[in-house]
Amino acid sequence: MKRYVLIVAGGKGIRMGNELPKQFIPLNGRPVLMHTLERFYRWDISAEIILVLPETHQPYWNMLCKELNCRIPHKLANGGETRFHSVQNGLSLVNEPGLVAVHDGVRPFVSVEVIEHCFTEAERSGAVIPVVPLVDSIRERYDESGLSRPADRGRLVAVQTPQVFNSDWLFEAYRQAYRPDFTDDASVVEAKGYSVALTPGNQENIKLTTPFDLLVAEVYLRNQTE
């Protein structure tokens, strides 16, 4: 079955406190986004990678690929107004039935094992997302004054990417009109009535959003190379 990887990278770096968009911030000599592409290429060199970037970022990305000798084959699609619209644009380059993974460009540490498990499960069930258990205590706000109550964290999980889907399901889901409650691809697919399976993620698969995340990423990479 044809395998696609749709990597969405439209971040502007606001929470990172950096003028450079977070997907381009250097990490061990290469931009975060290049680490992400390399992880999927290491998993399966035959998978078709589609990178969704704002059109204004694409010349800079092409320059980085040339300077850093990045030879990973991939196609470019234009980013949209929201993540939802960016995924729609990326899907326009999916031209054969198969399985489509949608992944955050600033999650460079997803494990090869998790990627493979996601594709295997999606082939069986049609839709799957990787998740990890919560470790902190959780509270639920239930009043505008700030009142809260404990929540059962045993019933909750944190969602990661790649989220992998049967391409027919994903196309059907993304023909819907955009809604603000579409927080990820799974929520879009579920809105069409499809069930989404869960599979274990890996704790290192963090989304690099803040300066602290970047420090964690640098330590992780350093430990990997020592």
C-alpha atoms as a PDB file:
ATOM      1  CA  MET A   1       0.000   0.000   0.000  1.00  0.00           C
ATOM      2  CA  LYS A   2       1.307   3.460  -0.946  1.00  0.00           C
ATOM      3  CA  ARG A   3       2.679   5.422   2.020  1.00  0.00           C
ATOM      4  CA  TYR A   4       2.569   9.205   2.246  1.00  0.00           C
ATOM      5  CA  VAL A   5       3.982  11.488   4.931  1.00  0.00           C
ATOM      6  CA  LEU A   6       2.486  14.968   5.055  1.00  0.00           C
ATOM      7  CA  ILE A   7       4.678  17.202   7.235  1.00  0.00           C
ATOM      8  CA  VAL A   8       3.034  20.465   8.256  1.00  0.00           C
ATOM      9  CA  ALA A   9       5.393  23.311   9.164  1.00  0.00           C
ATOM     10  CA  GLY A  10       3.689  26.681   9.297  1.00  0.00           C
ATOM     11  CA  GLY A  11       4.983  27.955  12.651  1.00  0.00           C
ATOM     12  CA  LYS A  12       6.074  31.579  13.061  1.00  0.00           C
ATOM     13  CA  GLY A  13       8.153  31.083  16.198  1.00  0.00           C
ATOM     14  CA  ILE A  14       6.161  33.485  18.394  1.00  0.00           C
ATOM     15  CA  ARG A  15       6.211  31.342  21.553  1.00  0.00           C
ATOM     16  CA  MET A  16       9.825  30.474  20.833  1.00  0.00           C
ATOM     17  CA  GLY A  17      10.688  34.166  21.216  1.00  0.00           C
ATOM     18  CA  ASN A  18      12.716  34.025  18.027  1.00  0.00           C
ATOM     19  CA  GLU A  19      12.328  35.959  14.780  1.00  0.00           C
ATOM     20  CA  LEU A  20      13.269  32.796  12.898  1.00  0.00           C
ATOM     21  CA  PRO A  21      10.272  30.441  12.480  1.00  0.00           C
ATOM     22  CA  LYS A  22      10.708  27.550  14.894  1.00  0.00           C
ATOM     23  CA  GLN A  23      10.948  24.915  12.161  1.00  0.00           C
ATOM     24  CA  PHE A  24      14.132  26.631  10.913  1.00  0.00           C
ATOM     25  CA  ILE A  25      15.888  27.054  14.266  1.00  0.00           C
ATOM     26  CA  PRO A  26      19.273  25.253  14.148  1.00  0.00           C
ATOM     27  CA  LEU A  27      19.571  22.089  16.193  1.00  0.00           C
ATOM     28  CA  ASN A  28      22.945  20.372  16.152  1.00  0.00           C
ATOM     29  CA  GLY A  29      23.873  22.197  12.949  1.00  0.00           C
ATOM     30  CA  ARG A  30      20.665  21.562  10.989  1.00  0.00           C
ATOM     31  CA  PRO A  31      17.201  23.125  11.167  1.00  0.00           C
ATOM     32  CA  VAL A  32      14.569  21.337  13.223  1.00  0.00           C
ATOM     33  CA  LEU A  33      12.553  20.602  10.100  1.00  0.00           C
ATOM     34  CA  MET A  34      15.444  18.813   8.427  1.00  0.00           C
ATOM     35  CA  HIS A  35      15.784  16.507  11.438  1.00  0.00           C
ATOM     36  CA  THR A  36      12.090  15.671  11.054  1.00  0.00           C
ATOM     37  CA  LEU A  37      12.431  14.801   7.370  1.00  0.00           C
ATOM     38  CA  GLU A  38      15.492  12.672   8.110  1.00  0.00           C
ATOM     39  CA  ARG A  39      13.574  10.666  10.708  1.00  0.00           C
ATOM     40  CA  PHE A  40      10.898   9.654   8.204  1.00  0.00           C
ATOM     41  CA  TYR A  41      13.418   8.995   5.443  1.00  0.00           C
ATOM     42  CA  ARG A  42      15.305   6.723   7.828  1.00  0.00           C
ATOM     43  CA  TRP A  43      12.058   4.857   8.484  1.00  0.00           C
ATOM     44  CA  ASP A  44      11.149   4.221   4.819  1.00  0.00           C
ATOM     45  CA  ILE A  45      13.012   5.705   1.854  1.00  0.00           C
ATOM     46  CA  SER A  46      10.129   4.741  -0.448  1.00  0.00           C
ATOM     47  CA  ALA A  47       7.498   6.793   1.416  1.00  0.00           C
ATOM     48  CA  GLU A  48       6.440   9.930  -0.438  1.00  0.00           C
ATOM     49  CA  ILE A  49       7.122  13.011   1.686  1.00  0.00           C
ATOM     50  CA  ILE A  50       5.034  16.154   1.197  1.00  0.00           C
ATOM     51  CA  LEU A  51       6.216  19.224   3.075  1.00  0.00           C
ATOM     52  CA  VAL A  52       3.656  21.978   3.661  1.00  0.00           C
ATOM     53  CA  LEU A  53       5.316  25.367   4.124  1.00  0.00           C
ATOM     54  CA  PRO A  54       4.097  28.950   3.801  1.00  0.00           C
ATOM     55  CA  GLU A  55       4.919  30.086   0.289  1.00  0.00           C
ATOM     56  CA  THR A  56       7.085  32.907   1.670  1.00  0.00           C
ATOM     57  CA  HIS A  57       9.236  30.373   3.588  1.00  0.00           C
ATOM     58  CA  GLN A  58       9.918  28.104   0.648  1.00  0.00           C
ATOM     59  CA  PRO A  59      12.853  30.032  -0.910  1.00  0.00           C
ATOM     60  CA  TYR A  60      14.614  29.999   2.478  1.00  0.00           C
ATOM     61  CA  TRP A  61      13.977  26.270   2.855  1.00  0.00           C
ATOM     62  CA  ASN A  62      15.325  25.576  -0.632  1.00  0.00           C
ATOM     63  CA  MET A  63      18.423  27.579   0.202  1.00  0.00           C
ATOM     64  CA  LEU A  64      18.947  25.584   3.412  1.00  0.00           C
ATOM     65  CA  CYS A  65      18.583  22.296   1.538  1.00  0.00           C
ATOM     66  CA  LYS A  66      21.223  23.407  -0.957  1.00  0.00           C
ATOM     67  CA  GLU A  67      23.657  24.727   1.659  1.00  0.00           C
ATOM     68  CA  LEU A  68      23.300  21.680   3.940  1.00  0.00           C
ATOM     69  CA  ASN A  69      23.182  19.160   1.103  1.00  0.00           C
ATOM     70  CA  CYS A  70      19.787  17.771   2.053  1.00  0.00           C
ATOM     71  CA  ARG A  71      18.957  15.245  -0.660  1.00  0.00           C
ATOM     72  CA  ILE A  72      15.812  13.726   0.853  1.00  0.00           C
ATOM     73  CA  PRO A  73      13.199  13.636  -1.936  1.00  0.00           C
ATOM     74  CA  HIS A  74      10.096  15.638  -1.090  1.00  0.00           C
ATOM     75  CA  LYS A  75       7.380  17.768  -2.646  1.00  0.00           C
ATOM     76  CA  LEU A  76       6.337  21.222  -1.462  1.00  0.00           C
ATOM     77  CA  ALA A  77       2.785  22.410  -0.885  1.00  0.00           C
ATOM     78  CA  ASN A  78       1.724  25.885   0.182  1.00  0.00           C
ATOM     79  CA  GLY A  79       0.647  26.474   3.756  1.00  0.00           C
ATOM     80  CA  GLY A  80      -2.904  27.708   4.361  1.00  0.00           C
ATOM     81  CA  GLU A  81      -4.643  30.130   6.675  1.00  0.00           C
ATOM     82  CA  THR A  82      -4.893  27.460   9.402  1.00  0.00           C
ATOM     83  CA  ARG A  83      -3.409  24.015   9.961  1.00  0.00           C
ATOM     84  CA  PHE A  84      -6.662  22.567   8.594  1.00  0.00           C
ATOM     85  CA  HIS A  85      -6.216  24.442   5.327  1.00  0.00           C
ATOM     86  CA  SER A  86      -2.526  23.504   5.179  1.00  0.00           C
ATOM     87  CA  VAL A  87      -3.429  19.817   5.385  1.00  0.00           C
ATOM     88  CA  GLN A  88      -6.015  20.329   2.647  1.00  0.00           C
ATOM     89  CA  ASN A  89      -3.306  21.833   0.433  1.00  0.00           C
ATOM     90  CA  GLY A  90      -0.938  18.972   1.154  1.00  0.00           C
ATOM     91  CA  LEU A  91      -3.582  16.400   0.297  1.00  0.00           C
ATOM     92  CA  SER A  92      -3.806  17.867  -3.201  1.00  0.00           C
ATOM     93  CA  LEU A  93      -0.450  16.170  -3.888  1.00  0.00           C
ATOM     94  CA  VAL A  94      -1.647  12.724  -2.770  1.00  0.00           C
ATOM     95  CA  ASN A  95      -2.462  11.123  -6.123  1.00  0.00           C
ATOM     96  CA  GLU A  96      -2.876   7.420  -5.305  1.00  0.00           C
ATOM     97  CA  PRO A  97      -4.926   5.550  -2.691  1.00  0.00           C
ATOM     98  CA  GLY A  98      -2.951   4.460   0.346  1.00  0.00           C
ATOM     99  CA  LEU A  99      -2.101   5.537   3.873  1.00  0.00           C
ATOM    100  CA  VAL A 100      -1.386   9.158   4.777  1.00  0.00           C
ATOM    101  CA  ALA A 101       0.502  10.267   7.878  1.00  0.00           C
ATOM    102  CA  VAL A 102       0.129  13.866   9.040  1.00  0.00           C
ATOM    103  CA  HIS A 103       3.003  15.025  11.237  1.00  0.00           C
ATOM    104  CA  ASP A 104       4.054  18.246  12.950  1.00  0.00           C
ATOM    105  CA  GLY A 105       7.241  19.603  11.394  1.00  0.00           C
ATOM    106  CA  VAL A 106       8.585  20.525  14.831  1.00  0.00           C
ATOM    107  CA  ARG A 107       8.387  16.989  16.243  1.00  0.00           C
ATOM    108  CA  PRO A 108      11.819  15.720  15.133  1.00  0.00           C
ATOM    109  CA  PHE A 109      12.141  12.870  17.636  1.00  0.00           C
ATOM    110  CA  VAL A 110       9.327  10.485  16.774  1.00  0.00           C
ATOM    111  CA  SER A 111      10.787   7.001  16.849  1.00  0.00           C
ATOM    112  CA  VAL A 112      10.980   4.804  13.770  1.00  0.00           C
ATOM    113  CA  GLU A 113       9.167   2.107  15.762  1.00  0.00           C
ATOM    114  CA  VAL A 114       6.228   4.418  16.511  1.00  0.00           C
ATOM    115  CA  ILE A 115       5.969   5.433  12.846  1.00  0.00           C
ATOM    116  CA  GLU A 116       5.879   1.797  11.756  1.00  0.00           C
ATOM    117  CA  HIS A 117       3.325   0.861  14.421  1.00  0.00           C
ATOM    118  CA  CYS A 118       1.087   3.743  13.314  1.00  0.00           C
ATOM    119  CA  PHE A 119       1.141   2.642   9.680  1.00  0.00           C
ATOM    120  CA  THR A 120       0.580  -1.003  10.583  1.00  0.00           C
ATOM    121  CA  GLU A 121      -2.413  -0.155  12.770  1.00  0.00           C
ATOM    122  CA  ALA A 122      -3.852   2.296  10.210  1.00  0.00           C
ATOM    123  CA  GLU A 123      -3.743  -0.422   7.560  1.00  0.00           C
ATOM    124  CA  ARG A 124      -5.803  -2.603   9.885  1.00  0.00           C
ATOM    125  CA  SER A 125      -8.233  -0.088  11.412  1.00  0.00           C
ATOM    126  CA  GLY A 126      -8.229   2.879   9.028  1.00  0.00           C
ATOM    127  CA  ALA A 127      -7.150   5.584  11.479  1.00  0.00           C
ATOM    128  CA  VAL A 128      -4.681   5.748  14.371  1.00  0.00           C
ATOM    129  CA  ILE A 129      -2.976   8.311  16.575  1.00  0.00           C
ATOM    130  CA  PRO A 130       0.014   7.842  18.905  1.00  0.00           C
ATOM    131  CA  VAL A 131      -0.562   8.787  22.540  1.00  0.00           C
ATOM    132  CA  VAL A 132       1.368   8.878  25.810  1.00  0.00           C
ATOM    133  CA  PRO A 133       0.041   8.731  29.388  1.00  0.00           C
ATOM    134  CA  LEU A 134      -0.198  11.898  31.459  1.00  0.00           C
ATOM    135  CA  VAL A 135       2.207  12.127  34.379  1.00  0.00           C
ATOM    136  CA  ASP A 136       1.026  15.331  36.093  1.00  0.00           C
ATOM    137  CA  SER A 137      -2.077  15.643  38.211  1.00  0.00           C
ATOM    138  CA  ILE A 138      -4.933  17.091  36.185  1.00  0.00           C
ATOM    139  CA  ARG A 139      -7.698  19.512  37.209  1.00  0.00           C
ATOM    140  CA  GLU A 140     -10.789  20.626  35.325  1.00  0.00           C
ATOM    141  CA  ARG A 141     -12.006  24.217  35.476  1.00  0.00           C
ATOM    142  CA  TYR A 142     -15.808  24.242  35.716  1.00  0.00           C
ATOM    143  CA  ASP A 143     -16.612  27.799  36.768  1.00  0.00           C
ATOM    144  CA  GLU A 144     -15.754  31.205  35.332  1.00  0.00           C
ATOM    145  CA  SER A 145     -14.614  32.314  38.783  1.00  0.00           C
ATOM    146  CA  GLY A 146     -11.745  29.808  38.592  1.00  0.00           C
ATOM    147  CA  LEU A 147     -13.196  26.934  40.607  1.00  0.00           C
ATOM    148  CA  SER A 148     -11.821  23.523  39.628  1.00  0.00           C
ATOM    149  CA  ARG A 149     -11.965  19.861  40.533  1.00  0.00           C
ATOM    150  CA  PRO A 150      -9.607  16.916  40.142  1.00  0.00           C
ATOM    151  CA  ALA A 151      -9.844  14.958  36.886  1.00  0.00           C
ATOM    152  CA  ASP A 152      -9.051  11.276  36.467  1.00  0.00           C
ATOM    153  CA  ARG A 153      -5.787  11.315  34.535  1.00  0.00           C
ATOM    154  CA  GLY A 154      -6.018   7.555  34.072  1.00  0.00           C
ATOM    155  CA  ARG A 155      -8.756   8.171  31.513  1.00  0.00           C
ATOM    156  CA  LEU A 156      -6.767  10.838  29.631  1.00  0.00           C
ATOM    157  CA  VAL A 157      -3.804  10.693  27.248  1.00  0.00           C
ATOM    158  CA  ALA A 158      -1.640  13.248  25.457  1.00  0.00           C
ATOM    159  CA  VAL A 159      -1.874  13.081  21.668  1.00  0.00           C
ATOM    160  CA  GLN A 160       1.144  13.129  19.361  1.00  0.00           C
ATOM    161  CA  THR A 161       1.781  12.806  15.641  1.00  0.00           C
ATOM    162  CA  PRO A 162       2.100  11.196  13.111  1.00  0.00           C
ATOM    163  CA  GLN A 163      -1.622  10.576  12.857  1.00  0.00           C
ATOM    164  CA  VAL A 164      -2.131   8.030  10.099  1.00  0.00           C
ATOM    165  CA  PHE A 165      -5.280   7.447   8.048  1.00  0.00           C
ATOM    166  CA  ASN A 166      -6.714   5.566   5.129  1.00  0.00           C
ATOM    167  CA  SER A 167      -6.436   8.153   2.348  1.00  0.00           C
ATOM    168  CA  ASP A 168     -10.125   7.812   1.359  1.00  0.00           C
ATOM    169  CA  TRP A 169     -11.200   8.623   4.925  1.00  0.00           C
ATOM    170  CA  LEU A 170      -8.871  11.598   5.126  1.00  0.00           C
ATOM    171  CA  PHE A 171     -10.001  13.030   1.792  1.00  0.00           C
ATOM    172  CA  GLU A 172     -13.638  12.693   2.800  1.00  0.00           C
ATOM    173  CA  ALA A 173     -12.965  14.317   6.168  1.00  0.00           C
ATOM    174  CA  TYR A 174     -11.142  17.287   4.678  1.00  0.00           C
ATOM    175  CA  ARG A 175     -13.981  18.039   2.295  1.00  0.00           C
ATOM    176  CA  GLN A 176     -15.840  19.359   5.352  1.00  0.00           C
ATOM    177  CA  ALA A 177     -15.960  23.057   6.108  1.00  0.00           C
ATOM    178  CA  TYR A 178     -13.429  24.245   8.665  1.00  0.00           C
ATOM    179  CA  ARG A 179     -14.541  24.369  12.319  1.00  0.00           C
ATOM    180  CA  PRO A 180     -12.619  25.878  15.251  1.00  0.00           C
ATOM    181  CA  ASP A 181     -13.022  22.647  17.245  1.00  0.00           C
ATOM    182  CA  PHE A 182     -10.904  20.738  14.716  1.00  0.00           C
ATOM    183  CA  THR A 183      -7.859  20.570  16.991  1.00  0.00           C
ATOM    184  CA  ASP A 184      -6.055  17.865  15.038  1.00  0.00           C
ATOM    185  CA  ASP A 185      -6.572  15.498  12.112  1.00  0.00           C
ATOM    186  CA  ALA A 186      -8.240  12.864  14.290  1.00  0.00           C
ATOM    187  CA  SER A 187     -10.969  15.328  15.283  1.00  0.00           C
ATOM    188  CA  VAL A 188     -11.609  16.092  11.584  1.00  0.00           C
ATOM    189  CA  VAL A 189     -11.881  12.392  10.725  1.00  0.00           C
ATOM    190  CA  GLU A 190     -14.088  11.639  13.745  1.00  0.00           C
ATOM    191  CA  ALA A 191     -16.484  14.405  12.669  1.00  0.00           C
ATOM    192  CA  LYS A 192     -17.292  12.203   9.646  1.00  0.00           C
ATOM    193  CA  GLY A 193     -18.239   9.332  11.938  1.00  0.00           C
ATOM    194  CA  TYR A 194     -15.023   7.282  11.751  1.00  0.00           C
ATOM    195  CA  SER A 195     -13.389   5.744  14.816  1.00  0.00           C
ATOM    196  CA  VAL A 196      -9.742   6.444  15.597  1.00  0.00           C
ATOM    197  CA  ALA A 197      -7.539   3.814  17.264  1.00  0.00           C
ATOM    198  CA  LEU A 198      -4.780   4.595  19.770  1.00  0.00           C
ATOM    199  CA  THR A 199      -1.231   3.282  19.751  1.00  0.00           C
ATOM    200  CA  PRO A 200       1.626   4.036  22.183  1.00  0.00           C
ATOM    201  CA  GLY A 201       3.803   7.012  21.247  1.00  0.00           C
ATOM    202  CA  ASN A 202       7.278   7.780  22.540  1.00  0.00           C
ATOM    203  CA  GLN A 203       7.997  10.306  25.298  1.00  0.00           C
ATOM    204  CA  GLU A 204      10.824  11.935  23.315  1.00  0.00           C
ATOM    205  CA  ASN A 205       8.372  12.914  20.579  1.00  0.00           C
ATOM    206  CA  ILE A 206       7.815  16.401  21.962  1.00  0.00           C
ATOM    207  CA  LYS A 207       6.577  19.366  19.957  1.00  0.00           C
ATOM    208  CA  LEU A 208       9.237  22.080  20.034  1.00  0.00           C
ATOM    209  CA  THR A 209       7.213  25.148  21.002  1.00  0.00           C
ATOM    210  CA  THR A 210       9.118  27.066  23.692  1.00  0.00           C
ATOM    211  CA  PRO A 211      12.783  27.898  24.411  1.00  0.00           C
ATOM    212  CA  PHE A 212      12.744  25.243  27.141  1.00  0.00           C
ATOM    213  CA  ASP A 213      11.692  22.614  24.572  1.00  0.00           C
ATOM    214  CA  LEU A 214      14.707  23.590  22.490  1.00  0.00           C
ATOM    215  CA  LEU A 215      17.038  23.098  25.461  1.00  0.00           C
ATOM    216  CA  VAL A 216      15.553  19.635  26.035  1.00  0.00           C
ATOM    217  CA  ALA A 217      16.041  18.828  22.356  1.00  0.00           C
ATOM    218  CA  GLU A 218      19.688  19.882  22.428  1.00  0.00           C
ATOM    219  CA  VAL A 219      20.385  17.684  25.476  1.00  0.00           C
ATOM    220  CA  TYR A 220      18.598  14.761  23.853  1.00  0.00           C
ATOM    221  CA  LEU A 221      20.615  15.068  20.643  1.00  0.00           C
ATOM    222  CA  ARG A 222      23.843  15.439  22.593  1.00  0.00           C
ATOM    223  CA  ASN A 223      23.144  12.226  24.499  1.00  0.00           C
ATOM    224  CA  GLN A 224      22.345  10.434  21.237  1.00  0.00           C
ATOM    225  CA  THR A 225      25.736  11.295  19.750  1.00  0.00           C
ATOM    226  CA  GLU A 226      27.881  10.623  22.835  1.00  0.00           C
END
